[in-house]
Amino acid sequence: MEVDVPAAVADLSAALSSLEAAFEPLAATPLKEILANEEPAMQIDPIAQARTQILTAYLVHDLIWSK
């Protein structure tokens, strides 16, 4: 089975662009501000804060290795 390398690279580039666009709103606000939000509707419980920090670390790790 032959793989069309240029098409695969184009697909990967499009997927990464889509991922970047999806994460752009999250990247606009520092994580520290999100976790320390004082508004009652936006407050995050300690367990959710810990999960967010762990998932952020996994995300950064995965993005480094996928590059």
C-alpha atoms as a PDB file:
ATOM      1  CA  MET A   1       0.000   0.000   0.000  1.00  0.00           C
ATOM      2  CA  GLU A   2       1.449   3.326  -1.083  1.00  0.00           C
ATOM      3  CA  VAL A   3       0.975   6.412   1.018  1.00  0.00           C
ATOM      4  CA  ASP A   4       0.554   9.801  -0.583  1.00  0.00           C
ATOM      5  CA  VAL A   5       3.048  11.652   1.600  1.00  0.00           C
ATOM      6  CA  PRO A   6       2.233  15.194   0.437  1.00  0.00           C
ATOM      7  CA  ALA A   7      -1.479  14.576   1.074  1.00  0.00           C
ATOM      8  CA  ALA A   8      -0.745  13.095   4.516  1.00  0.00           C
ATOM      9  CA  VAL A   9       1.392  16.114   5.406  1.00  0.00           C
ATOM     10  CA  ALA A  10      -1.343  18.462   4.189  1.00  0.00           C
ATOM     11  CA  ASP A  11      -3.923  16.590   6.292  1.00  0.00           C
ATOM     12  CA  LEU A  12      -1.673  16.772   9.349  1.00  0.00           C
ATOM     13  CA  SER A  13      -1.101  20.479   8.812  1.00  0.00           C
ATOM     14  CA  ALA A  14      -4.846  21.097   8.528  1.00  0.00           C
ATOM     15  CA  ALA A  15      -5.502  19.062  11.684  1.00  0.00           C
ATOM     16  CA  LEU A  16      -2.852  20.987  13.634  1.00  0.00           C
ATOM     17  CA  SER A  17      -4.259  24.303  12.420  1.00  0.00           C
ATOM     18  CA  SER A  18      -7.713  23.219  13.570  1.00  0.00           C
ATOM     19  CA  LEU A  19      -6.317  22.164  16.949  1.00  0.00           C
ATOM     20  CA  GLU A  20      -4.505  25.473  17.325  1.00  0.00           C
ATOM     21  CA  ALA A  21      -7.705  27.388  16.554  1.00  0.00           C
ATOM     22  CA  ALA A  22      -9.617  25.323  19.117  1.00  0.00           C
ATOM     23  CA  PHE A  23      -7.069  26.019  21.852  1.00  0.00           C
ATOM     24  CA  GLU A  24      -6.616  29.709  21.042  1.00  0.00           C
ATOM     25  CA  PRO A  25      -9.364  30.897  23.437  1.00  0.00           C
ATOM     26  CA  LEU A  26      -7.824  28.836  26.239  1.00  0.00           C
ATOM     27  CA  ALA A  27      -4.376  30.215  25.538  1.00  0.00           C
ATOM     28  CA  ALA A  28      -5.658  33.799  25.660  1.00  0.00           C
ATOM     29  CA  THR A  29      -6.071  33.630  29.446  1.00  0.00           C
ATOM     30  CA  PRO A  30      -3.253  32.424  31.693  1.00  0.00           C
ATOM     31  CA  LEU A  31      -4.069  29.186  33.528  1.00  0.00           C
ATOM     32  CA  LYS A  32      -3.315  30.865  36.852  1.00  0.00           C
ATOM     33  CA  GLU A  33      -6.105  33.389  36.209  1.00  0.00           C
ATOM     34  CA  ILE A  34      -8.575  30.692  35.181  1.00  0.00           C
ATOM     35  CA  LEU A  35      -7.921  28.662  38.314  1.00  0.00           C
ATOM     36  CA  ALA A  36      -8.041  31.700  40.634  1.00  0.00           C
ATOM     37  CA  ASN A  37     -11.202  33.240  39.171  1.00  0.00           C
ATOM     38  CA  GLU A  38     -13.150  35.110  41.873  1.00  0.00           C
ATOM     39  CA  GLU A  39     -16.518  35.163  40.078  1.00  0.00           C
ATOM     40  CA  PRO A  40     -18.873  32.646  41.734  1.00  0.00           C
ATOM     41  CA  ALA A  41     -20.078  31.283  38.388  1.00  0.00           C
ATOM     42  CA  MET A  42     -16.494  30.731  37.220  1.00  0.00           C
ATOM     43  CA  GLN A  43     -14.947  29.233  40.373  1.00  0.00           C
ATOM     44  CA  ILE A  44     -13.435  25.781  40.021  1.00  0.00           C
ATOM     45  CA  ASP A  45     -13.378  23.310  42.910  1.00  0.00           C
ATOM     46  CA  PRO A  46      -9.952  22.036  44.076  1.00  0.00           C
ATOM     47  CA  ILE A  47     -10.347  18.608  42.420  1.00  0.00           C
ATOM     48  CA  ALA A  48     -11.209  20.198  39.090  1.00  0.00           C
ATOM     49  CA  GLN A  49      -8.232  22.554  39.492  1.00  0.00           C
ATOM     50  CA  ALA A  50      -5.914  19.596  40.032  1.00  0.00           C
ATOM     51  CA  ARG A  51      -7.366  17.775  37.023  1.00  0.00           C
ATOM     52  CA  THR A  52      -6.944  20.894  34.887  1.00  0.00           C
ATOM     53  CA  GLN A  53      -3.304  21.247  35.894  1.00  0.00           C
ATOM     54  CA  ILE A  54      -2.580  17.565  35.207  1.00  0.00           C
ATOM     55  CA  LEU A  55      -4.335  17.624  31.844  1.00  0.00           C
ATOM     56  CA  THR A  56      -2.460  20.798  30.916  1.00  0.00           C
ATOM     57  CA  ALA A  57       0.842  19.077  31.657  1.00  0.00           C
ATOM     58  CA  TYR A  58      -0.173  16.077  29.515  1.00  0.00           C
ATOM     59  CA  LEU A  59      -1.272  18.401  26.710  1.00  0.00           C
ATOM     60  CA  VAL A  60       2.031  20.282  26.691  1.00  0.00           C
ATOM     61  CA  HIS A  61       3.968  17.010  26.766  1.00  0.00           C
ATOM     62  CA  ASP A  62       1.962  15.575  23.862  1.00  0.00           C
ATOM     63  CA  LEU A  63       2.318  18.746  21.797  1.00  0.00           C
ATOM     64  CA  ILE A  64       6.086  18.740  22.290  1.00  0.00           C
ATOM     65  CA  TRP A  65       6.391  15.126  21.142  1.00  0.00           C
ATOM     66  CA  SER A  66       4.020  15.579  18.192  1.00  0.00           C
ATOM     67  CA  LYS A  67       6.044  18.456  16.801  1.00  0.00           C
END
